[in-house]
PDB file of all heavy atoms in Angstrom:
ATOM      1  N   ILE A   1      -0.449  11.189   4.586  1.00  0.00           N
ATOM      2  CA  ILE A   1      -0.957   9.834   4.724  1.00  0.00           C
ATOM      3  C   ILE A   1       0.171   8.965   5.248  1.00  0.00           C
ATOM      4  O   ILE A   1       1.251   8.929   4.661  1.00  0.00           O
ATOM      5  CB  ILE A   1      -1.440   9.271   3.371  1.00  0.00           C
ATOM      6  CG1 ILE A   1      -2.511  10.165   2.750  1.00  0.00           C
ATOM      7  CG2 ILE A   1      -1.906   7.833   3.511  1.00  0.00           C
ATOM      8  CD1 ILE A   1      -3.760  10.325   3.565  1.00  0.00           C
ATOM      9  N   THR A   2      -0.081   8.241   6.347  1.00  0.00           N
ATOM     10  CA  THR A   2       0.895   7.298   6.882  1.00  0.00           C
ATOM     11  C   THR A   2       0.231   5.940   7.002  1.00  0.00           C
ATOM     12  O   THR A   2      -0.838   5.812   7.604  1.00  0.00           O
ATOM     13  CB  THR A   2       1.414   7.748   8.261  1.00  0.00           C
ATOM     14  OG1 THR A   2       2.040   9.022   8.132  1.00  0.00           O
ATOM     15  CG2 THR A   2       2.415   6.750   8.820  1.00  0.00           C
ATOM     16  N   LEU A   3       0.874   4.933   6.404  1.00  0.00           N
ATOM     17  CA  LEU A   3       0.439   3.550   6.509  1.00  0.00           C
ATOM     18  C   LEU A   3       1.553   2.807   7.227  1.00  0.00           C
ATOM     19  O   LEU A   3       2.703   2.836   6.783  1.00  0.00           O
ATOM     20  CB  LEU A   3       0.211   2.953   5.117  1.00  0.00           C
ATOM     21  CG  LEU A   3      -0.765   3.717   4.224  1.00  0.00           C
ATOM     22  CD1 LEU A   3      -0.767   3.133   2.826  1.00  0.00           C
ATOM     23  CD2 LEU A   3      -2.156   3.706   4.818  1.00  0.00           C
ATOM     24  N   ARG A   4       1.241   2.152   8.336  1.00  0.00           N
ATOM     25  CA  ARG A   4       2.302   1.556   9.147  1.00  0.00           C
ATOM     26  C   ARG A   4       1.900   0.152   9.619  1.00  0.00           C
ATOM     27  O   ARG A   4       0.850  -0.031  10.224  1.00  0.00           O
ATOM     28  CB  ARG A   4       2.573   2.456  10.348  1.00  0.00           C
ATOM     29  CG  ARG A   4       3.741   2.017  11.206  1.00  0.00           C
ATOM     30  CD  ARG A   4       4.155   3.089  12.198  1.00  0.00           C
ATOM     31  NE  ARG A   4       4.883   4.140  11.474  1.00  0.00           N
ATOM     32  CZ  ARG A   4       4.602   5.443  11.561  1.00  0.00           C
ATOM     33  NH1 ARG A   4       3.635   5.872  12.335  1.00  0.00           N
ATOM     34  NH2 ARG A   4       5.314   6.320  10.880  1.00  0.00           N
ATOM     35  N   GLY A   5       2.772  -0.827   9.296  1.00  0.00           N
ATOM     36  CA  GLY A   5       2.588  -2.177   9.813  1.00  0.00           C
ATOM     37  C   GLY A   5       1.456  -2.962   9.179  1.00  0.00           C
ATOM     38  O   GLY A   5       0.934  -3.885   9.792  1.00  0.00           O
ATOM     39  N   LEU A   6       1.083  -2.636   7.952  1.00  0.00           N
ATOM     40  CA  LEU A   6      -0.059  -3.275   7.293  1.00  0.00           C
ATOM     41  C   LEU A   6       0.390  -4.126   6.110  1.00  0.00           C
ATOM     42  O   LEU A   6       1.425  -3.864   5.507  1.00  0.00           O
ATOM     43  CB  LEU A   6      -1.035  -2.205   6.796  1.00  0.00           C
ATOM     44  CG  LEU A   6      -1.519  -1.198   7.835  1.00  0.00           C
ATOM     45  CD1 LEU A   6      -2.312  -0.092   7.170  1.00  0.00           C
ATOM     46  CD2 LEU A   6      -2.341  -1.888   8.912  1.00  0.00           C
ATOM     47  N   ASN A   7      -0.409  -5.135   5.764  1.00  0.00           N
ATOM     48  CA  ASN A   7      -0.184  -5.955   4.580  1.00  0.00           C
ATOM     49  C   ASN A   7      -1.303  -5.664   3.588  1.00  0.00           C
ATOM     50  O   ASN A   7      -2.479  -5.747   3.943  1.00  0.00           O
ATOM     51  CB  ASN A   7      -0.208  -7.449   4.923  1.00  0.00           C
ATOM     52  CG  ASN A   7       0.868  -7.822   5.906  1.00  0.00           C
ATOM     53  OD1 ASN A   7       1.912  -7.194   5.971  1.00  0.00           O
ATOM     54  ND2 ASN A   7       0.614  -8.857   6.691  1.00  0.00           N
ATOM     55  N   PHE A   8      -0.917  -5.330   2.352  1.00  0.00           N
ATOM     56  CA  PHE A   8      -1.897  -5.085   1.294  1.00  0.00           C
ATOM     57  C   PHE A   8      -1.750  -6.176   0.249  1.00  0.00           C
ATOM     58  O   PHE A   8      -0.664  -6.399  -0.262  1.00  0.00           O
ATOM     59  CB  PHE A   8      -1.668  -3.716   0.657  1.00  0.00           C
ATOM     60  CG  PHE A   8      -1.853  -2.582   1.615  1.00  0.00           C
ATOM     61  CD1 PHE A   8      -0.784  -2.071   2.320  1.00  0.00           C
ATOM     62  CD2 PHE A   8      -3.106  -2.044   1.834  1.00  0.00           C
ATOM     63  CE1 PHE A   8      -0.947  -1.035   3.220  1.00  0.00           C
ATOM     64  CE2 PHE A   8      -3.287  -1.011   2.731  1.00  0.00           C
ATOM     65  CZ  PHE A   8      -2.203  -0.501   3.424  1.00  0.00           C
ATOM     66  N   ASN A   9      -2.851  -6.857  -0.086  1.00  0.00           N
ATOM     67  CA  ASN A   9      -2.806  -7.953  -1.034  1.00  0.00           C
ATOM     68  C   ASN A   9      -3.798  -7.681  -2.157  1.00  0.00           C
ATOM     69  O   ASN A   9      -5.000  -7.627  -1.931  1.00  0.00           O
ATOM     70  CB  ASN A   9      -3.132  -9.273  -0.339  1.00  0.00           C
ATOM     71  CG  ASN A   9      -2.852 -10.464  -1.210  1.00  0.00           C
ATOM     72  OD1 ASN A   9      -3.061 -10.430  -2.412  1.00  0.00           O
ATOM     73  ND2 ASN A   9      -2.370 -11.528  -0.596  1.00  0.00           N
ATOM     74  N   GLY A  10      -3.279  -7.517  -3.367  1.00  0.00           N
ATOM     75  CA  GLY A  10      -4.120  -7.225  -4.525  1.00  0.00           C
ATOM     76  C   GLY A  10      -4.765  -8.434  -5.155  1.00  0.00           C
ATOM     77  O   GLY A  10      -5.460  -8.300  -6.160  1.00  0.00           O
ATOM     78  N   GLN A  11      -4.545  -9.617  -4.598  1.00  0.00           N
ATOM     79  CA  GLN A  11      -5.188 -10.846  -5.087  1.00  0.00           C
ATOM     80  C   GLN A  11      -4.869 -11.135  -6.554  1.00  0.00           C
ATOM     81  O   GLN A  11      -5.644 -11.766  -7.246  1.00  0.00           O
ATOM     82  CB  GLN A  11      -6.713 -10.756  -4.909  1.00  0.00           C
ATOM     83  CG  GLN A  11      -7.172 -10.468  -3.526  1.00  0.00           C
ATOM     84  CD  GLN A  11      -7.222 -11.725  -2.691  1.00  0.00           C
ATOM     85  OE1 GLN A  11      -7.247 -12.824  -3.195  1.00  0.00           O
ATOM     86  NE2 GLN A  11      -7.219 -11.551  -1.387  1.00  0.00           N
ATOM     87  N   GLU A  12      -3.763 -10.610  -7.069  1.00  0.00           N
ATOM     88  CA  GLU A  12      -3.326 -10.794  -8.452  1.00  0.00           C
ATOM     89  C   GLU A  12      -4.309 -10.247  -9.483  1.00  0.00           C
ATOM     90  O   GLU A  12      -4.271 -10.627 -10.641  1.00  0.00           O
ATOM     91  CB  GLU A  12      -3.014 -12.267  -8.732  1.00  0.00           C
ATOM     92  CG  GLU A  12      -1.863 -12.776  -7.902  1.00  0.00           C
ATOM     93  CD  GLU A  12      -1.433 -14.173  -8.269  1.00  0.00           C
ATOM     94  OE1 GLU A  12      -2.004 -14.773  -9.195  1.00  0.00           O
ATOM     95  OE2 GLU A  12      -0.497 -14.660  -7.630  1.00  0.00           O
ATOM     96  N   ARG A  13      -5.193  -9.350  -9.069  1.00  0.00           N
ATOM     97  CA  ARG A  13      -6.100  -8.732 -10.037  1.00  0.00           C
ATOM     98  C   ARG A  13      -6.361  -7.257  -9.742  1.00  0.00           C
ATOM     99  O   ARG A  13      -7.049  -6.596 -10.488  1.00  0.00           O
ATOM    100  CB  ARG A  13      -7.406  -9.507 -10.126  1.00  0.00           C
ATOM    101  CG  ARG A  13      -8.225  -9.521  -8.862  1.00  0.00           C
ATOM    102  CD  ARG A  13      -9.502 -10.336  -9.054  1.00  0.00           C
ATOM    103  NE  ARG A  13     -10.306 -10.331  -7.861  1.00  0.00           N
ATOM    104  CZ  ARG A  13     -10.250 -11.235  -6.907  1.00  0.00           C
ATOM    105  NH1 ARG A  13      -9.411 -12.229  -7.001  1.00  0.00           N
ATOM    106  NH2 ARG A  13     -11.041 -11.165  -5.862  1.00  0.00           N
ATOM    107  N   ASN A  14      -5.864  -6.751  -8.639  1.00  0.00           N
ATOM    108  CA  ASN A  14      -6.116  -5.364  -8.261  1.00  0.00           C
ATOM    109  C   ASN A  14      -4.808  -4.646  -7.965  1.00  0.00           C
ATOM    110  O   ASN A  14      -3.861  -5.244  -7.488  1.00  0.00           O
ATOM    111  CB  ASN A  14      -6.972  -5.305  -6.991  1.00  0.00           C
ATOM    112  CG  ASN A  14      -8.259  -6.073  -7.122  1.00  0.00           C
ATOM    113  OD1 ASN A  14      -8.960  -5.921  -8.102  1.00  0.00           O
ATOM    114  ND2 ASN A  14      -8.559  -6.909  -6.158  1.00  0.00           N
ATOM    115  N   MET A  15      -4.794  -3.348  -8.230  1.00  0.00           N
ATOM    116  CA  MET A  15      -3.683  -2.533  -7.779  1.00  0.00           C
ATOM    117  C   MET A  15      -3.743  -2.479  -6.262  1.00  0.00           C
ATOM    118  O   MET A  15      -4.813  -2.476  -5.680  1.00  0.00           O
ATOM    119  CB  MET A  15      -3.794  -1.128  -8.359  1.00  0.00           C
ATOM    120  CG  MET A  15      -3.645  -1.086  -9.868  1.00  0.00           C
ATOM    121  SD  MET A  15      -4.055   0.511 -10.564  1.00  0.00           S
ATOM    122  CE  MET A  15      -2.689   1.490 -10.003  1.00  0.00           C
ATOM    123  N   CYS A  16      -2.593  -2.431  -5.618  1.00  0.00           N
ATOM    124  CA  CYS A  16      -2.601  -2.428  -4.156  1.00  0.00           C
ATOM    125  C   CYS A  16      -2.831  -1.043  -3.570  1.00  0.00           C
ATOM    126  O   CYS A  16      -3.765  -0.842  -2.823  1.00  0.00           O
ATOM    127  CB  CYS A  16      -1.288  -3.001  -3.621  1.00  0.00           C
ATOM    128  SG  CYS A  16      -1.234  -4.795  -3.702  1.00  0.00           S
ATOM    129  N   ILE A  17      -1.964  -0.080  -3.887  1.00  0.00           N
ATOM    130  CA  ILE A  17      -2.063   1.236  -3.266  1.00  0.00           C
ATOM    131  C   ILE A  17      -1.986   2.307  -4.339  1.00  0.00           C
ATOM    132  O   ILE A  17      -1.034   2.349  -5.102  1.00  0.00           O
ATOM    133  CB  ILE A  17      -0.930   1.459  -2.249  1.00  0.00           C
ATOM    134  CG1 ILE A  17      -1.021   0.440  -1.114  1.00  0.00           C
ATOM    135  CG2 ILE A  17      -0.974   2.881  -1.691  1.00  0.00           C
ATOM    136  CD1 ILE A  17       0.125   0.521  -0.129  1.00  0.00           C
ATOM    137  N   VAL A  18      -2.982   3.171  -4.390  1.00  0.00           N
ATOM    138  CA  VAL A  18      -2.944   4.359  -5.229  1.00  0.00           C
ATOM    139  C   VAL A  18      -3.179   5.533  -4.296  1.00  0.00           C
ATOM    140  O   VAL A  18      -4.229   5.650  -3.691  1.00  0.00           O
ATOM    141  CB  VAL A  18      -4.028   4.346  -6.332  1.00  0.00           C
ATOM    142  CG1 VAL A  18      -4.028   5.658  -7.083  1.00  0.00           C
ATOM    143  CG2 VAL A  18      -3.805   3.183  -7.280  1.00  0.00           C
ATOM    144  N   LEU A  19      -2.162   6.375  -4.136  1.00  0.00           N
ATOM    145  CA  LEU A  19      -2.279   7.531  -3.253  1.00  0.00           C
ATOM    146  C   LEU A  19      -1.970   8.785  -4.041  1.00  0.00           C
ATOM    147  O   LEU A  19      -0.825   9.037  -4.396  1.00  0.00           O
ATOM    148  CB  LEU A  19      -1.302   7.412  -2.077  1.00  0.00           C
ATOM    149  CG  LEU A  19      -1.586   6.297  -1.084  1.00  0.00           C
ATOM    150  CD1 LEU A  19      -0.479   6.224  -0.047  1.00  0.00           C
ATOM    151  CD2 LEU A  19      -2.918   6.498  -0.407  1.00  0.00           C
ATOM    152  N   ASN A  20      -2.974   9.556  -4.348  1.00  0.00           N
ATOM    153  CA  ASN A  20      -2.786  10.836  -5.008  1.00  0.00           C
ATOM    154  C   ASN A  20      -2.672  11.908  -3.937  1.00  0.00           C
ATOM    155  O   ASN A  20      -3.453  12.830  -3.871  1.00  0.00           O
ATOM    156  CB  ASN A  20      -3.950  11.133  -5.962  1.00  0.00           C
ATOM    157  CG  ASN A  20      -4.003  10.124  -7.077  1.00  0.00           C
ATOM    158  OD1 ASN A  20      -2.974   9.645  -7.533  1.00  0.00           O
ATOM    159  ND2 ASN A  20      -5.195   9.775  -7.515  1.00  0.00           N
ATOM    160  N   GLY A  21      -1.709  11.754  -3.063  1.00  0.00           N
ATOM    161  CA  GLY A  21      -1.506  12.674  -1.955  1.00  0.00           C
ATOM    162  C   GLY A  21      -0.144  13.306  -2.028  1.00  0.00           C
ATOM    163  O   GLY A  21       0.672  12.971  -2.875  1.00  0.00           O
ATOM    164  N   PHE A  22       0.139  14.226  -1.158  1.00  0.00           N
ATOM    165  CA  PHE A  22       1.393  14.967  -1.244  1.00  0.00           C
ATOM    166  C   PHE A  22       2.459  14.474  -0.282  1.00  0.00           C
ATOM    167  O   PHE A  22       3.618  14.459  -0.609  1.00  0.00           O
ATOM    168  CB  PHE A  22       1.131  16.453  -1.052  1.00  0.00           C
ATOM    169  CG  PHE A  22       0.420  17.039  -2.229  1.00  0.00           C
ATOM    170  CD1 PHE A  22      -0.777  17.706  -2.065  1.00  0.00           C
ATOM    171  CD2 PHE A  22       0.934  16.908  -3.496  1.00  0.00           C
ATOM    172  CE1 PHE A  22      -1.445  18.235  -3.154  1.00  0.00           C
ATOM    173  CE2 PHE A  22       0.276  17.441  -4.591  1.00  0.00           C
ATOM    174  CZ  PHE A  22      -0.920  18.104  -4.416  1.00  0.00           C
ATOM    175  N   LEU A  23       2.118  14.080   0.908  1.00  0.00           N
ATOM    176  CA  LEU A  23       3.091  13.594   1.883  1.00  0.00           C
ATOM    177  C   LEU A  23       2.710  12.173   2.252  1.00  0.00           C
ATOM    178  O   LEU A  23       1.724  11.945   2.932  1.00  0.00           O
ATOM    179  CB  LEU A  23       3.089  14.483   3.131  1.00  0.00           C
ATOM    180  CG  LEU A  23       3.265  15.977   2.896  1.00  0.00           C
ATOM    181  CD1 LEU A  23       3.020  16.754   4.179  1.00  0.00           C
ATOM    182  CD2 LEU A  23       4.639  16.278   2.332  1.00  0.00           C
ATOM    183  N   VAL A  24       3.479  11.201   1.767  1.00  0.00           N
ATOM    184  CA  VAL A  24       3.119   9.802   1.917  1.00  0.00           C
ATOM    185  C   VAL A  24       4.236   9.057   2.642  1.00  0.00           C
ATOM    186  O   VAL A  24       5.388   9.109   2.222  1.00  0.00           O
ATOM    187  CB  VAL A  24       2.867   9.149   0.544  1.00  0.00           C
ATOM    188  CG1 VAL A  24       2.538   7.672   0.708  1.00  0.00           C
ATOM    189  CG2 VAL A  24       1.762   9.873  -0.206  1.00  0.00           C
ATOM    190  N   THR A  25       3.890   8.345   3.721  1.00  0.00           N
ATOM    191  CA  THR A  25       4.828   7.477   4.412  1.00  0.00           C
ATOM    192  C   THR A  25       4.246   6.074   4.442  1.00  0.00           C
ATOM    193  O   THR A  25       3.129   5.876   4.916  1.00  0.00           O
ATOM    194  CB  THR A  25       5.103   7.955   5.848  1.00  0.00           C
ATOM    195  OG1 THR A  25       5.681   9.259   5.792  1.00  0.00           O
ATOM    196  CG2 THR A  25       6.049   7.014   6.573  1.00  0.00           C
ATOM    197  N   ILE A  26       5.010   5.121   3.913  1.00  0.00           N
ATOM    198  CA  ILE A  26       4.651   3.710   3.971  1.00  0.00           C
ATOM    199  C   ILE A  26       5.751   3.041   4.763  1.00  0.00           C
ATOM    200  O   ILE A  26       6.891   2.966   4.320  1.00  0.00           O
ATOM    201  CB  ILE A  26       4.506   3.109   2.559  1.00  0.00           C
ATOM    202  CG1 ILE A  26       3.393   3.844   1.794  1.00  0.00           C
ATOM    203  CG2 ILE A  26       4.222   1.607   2.643  1.00  0.00           C
ATOM    204  CD1 ILE A  26       3.273   3.460   0.348  1.00  0.00           C
ATOM    205  N   ASP A  27       5.425   2.597   5.975  1.00  0.00           N
ATOM    206  CA  ASP A  27       6.413   2.131   6.935  1.00  0.00           C
ATOM    207  C   ASP A  27       6.070   0.727   7.426  1.00  0.00           C
ATOM    208  O   ASP A  27       4.955   0.499   7.910  1.00  0.00           O
ATOM    209  CB  ASP A  27       6.449   3.118   8.112  1.00  0.00           C
ATOM    210  CG  ASP A  27       7.419   2.738   9.208  1.00  0.00           C
ATOM    211  OD1 ASP A  27       8.378   1.991   8.944  1.00  0.00           O
ATOM    212  OD2 ASP A  27       7.211   3.197  10.341  1.00  0.00           O
ATOM    213  N   ARG A  28       7.001  -0.196   7.284  1.00  0.00           N
ATOM    214  CA  ARG A  28       6.840  -1.570   7.752  1.00  0.00           C
ATOM    215  C   ARG A  28       5.601  -2.240   7.185  1.00  0.00           C
ATOM    216  O   ARG A  28       4.879  -2.969   7.870  1.00  0.00           O
ATOM    217  CB  ARG A  28       6.829  -1.634   9.278  1.00  0.00           C
ATOM    218  CG  ARG A  28       8.180  -1.288   9.880  1.00  0.00           C
ATOM    219  CD  ARG A  28       8.123  -1.222  11.378  1.00  0.00           C
ATOM    220  NE  ARG A  28       7.828   0.171  11.723  1.00  0.00           N
ATOM    221  CZ  ARG A  28       7.593   0.603  12.930  1.00  0.00           C
ATOM    222  NH1 ARG A  28       7.587  -0.232  13.931  1.00  0.00           N
ATOM    223  NH2 ARG A  28       7.360   1.876  13.155  1.00  0.00           N
ATOM    224  N   CYS A  29       5.343  -2.002   5.897  1.00  0.00           N
ATOM    225  CA  CYS A  29       4.201  -2.599   5.218  1.00  0.00           C
ATOM    226  C   CYS A  29       4.675  -3.658   4.228  1.00  0.00           C
ATOM    227  O   CYS A  29       5.815  -3.631   3.766  1.00  0.00           O
ATOM    228  CB  CYS A  29       3.404  -1.537   4.464  1.00  0.00           C
ATOM    229  SG  CYS A  29       2.528  -0.375   5.536  1.00  0.00           S
ATOM    230  N   THR A  30       3.783  -4.564   3.874  1.00  0.00           N
ATOM    231  CA  THR A  30       4.007  -5.522   2.802  1.00  0.00           C
ATOM    232  C   THR A  30       2.951  -5.263   1.739  1.00  0.00           C
ATOM    233  O   THR A  30       1.762  -5.227   2.046  1.00  0.00           O
ATOM    234  CB  THR A  30       3.896  -6.977   3.317  1.00  0.00           C
ATOM    235  OG1 THR A  30       4.896  -7.183   4.310  1.00  0.00           O
ATOM    236  CG2 THR A  30       4.095  -7.968   2.190  1.00  0.00           C
ATOM    237  N   ILE A  31       3.411  -5.061   0.517  1.00  0.00           N
ATOM    238  CA  ILE A  31       2.522  -4.821  -0.618  1.00  0.00           C
ATOM    239  C   ILE A  31       2.765  -5.975  -1.571  1.00  0.00           C
ATOM    240  O   ILE A  31       3.867  -6.131  -2.094  1.00  0.00           O
ATOM    241  CB  ILE A  31       2.818  -3.468  -1.288  1.00  0.00           C
ATOM    242  CG1 ILE A  31       2.560  -2.314  -0.301  1.00  0.00           C
ATOM    243  CG2 ILE A  31       1.976  -3.286  -2.521  1.00  0.00           C
ATOM    244  CD1 ILE A  31       3.758  -1.814   0.400  1.00  0.00           C
ATOM    245  N   GLN A  32       1.742  -6.802  -1.795  1.00  0.00           N
ATOM    246  CA  GLN A  32       1.972  -7.994  -2.613  1.00  0.00           C
ATOM    247  C   GLN A  32       0.812  -8.305  -3.529  1.00  0.00           C
ATOM    248  O   GLN A  32      -0.324  -7.913  -3.293  1.00  0.00           O
ATOM    249  CB  GLN A  32       2.262  -9.198  -1.723  1.00  0.00           C
ATOM    250  CG  GLN A  32       1.147  -9.565  -0.778  1.00  0.00           C
ATOM    251  CD  GLN A  32       1.561 -10.635   0.216  1.00  0.00           C
ATOM    252  OE1 GLN A  32       2.731 -10.813   0.506  1.00  0.00           O
ATOM    253  NE2 GLN A  32       0.590 -11.362   0.741  1.00  0.00           N
ATOM    254  N   ASN A  33       1.149  -9.018  -4.605  1.00  0.00           N
ATOM    255  CA  ASN A  33       0.179  -9.521  -5.580  1.00  0.00           C
ATOM    256  C   ASN A  33      -0.676  -8.426  -6.201  1.00  0.00           C
ATOM    257  O   ASN A  33      -1.848  -8.640  -6.496  1.00  0.00           O
ATOM    258  CB  ASN A  33      -0.711 -10.595  -4.949  1.00  0.00           C
ATOM    259  CG  ASN A  33       0.076 -11.762  -4.431  1.00  0.00           C
ATOM    260  OD1 ASN A  33       1.008 -12.216  -5.082  1.00  0.00           O
ATOM    261  ND2 ASN A  33      -0.268 -12.233  -3.251  1.00  0.00           N
ATOM    262  N   GLY A  34      -0.101  -7.247  -6.400  1.00  0.00           N
ATOM    263  CA  GLY A  34      -0.828  -6.159  -7.037  1.00  0.00           C
ATOM    264  C   GLY A  34      -0.696  -6.235  -8.548  1.00  0.00           C
ATOM    265  O   GLY A  34       0.373  -6.515  -9.076  1.00  0.00           O
TER     266      GLY A  34
END
């Protein structure tokens, strides 16, 4: 799984990213308010 250049916003009530995977790349992302 590759996530690139994305913004994830949990709105202060949700988890942002849950990845039950084996090879994970998170590149140039913003993860906020999770």
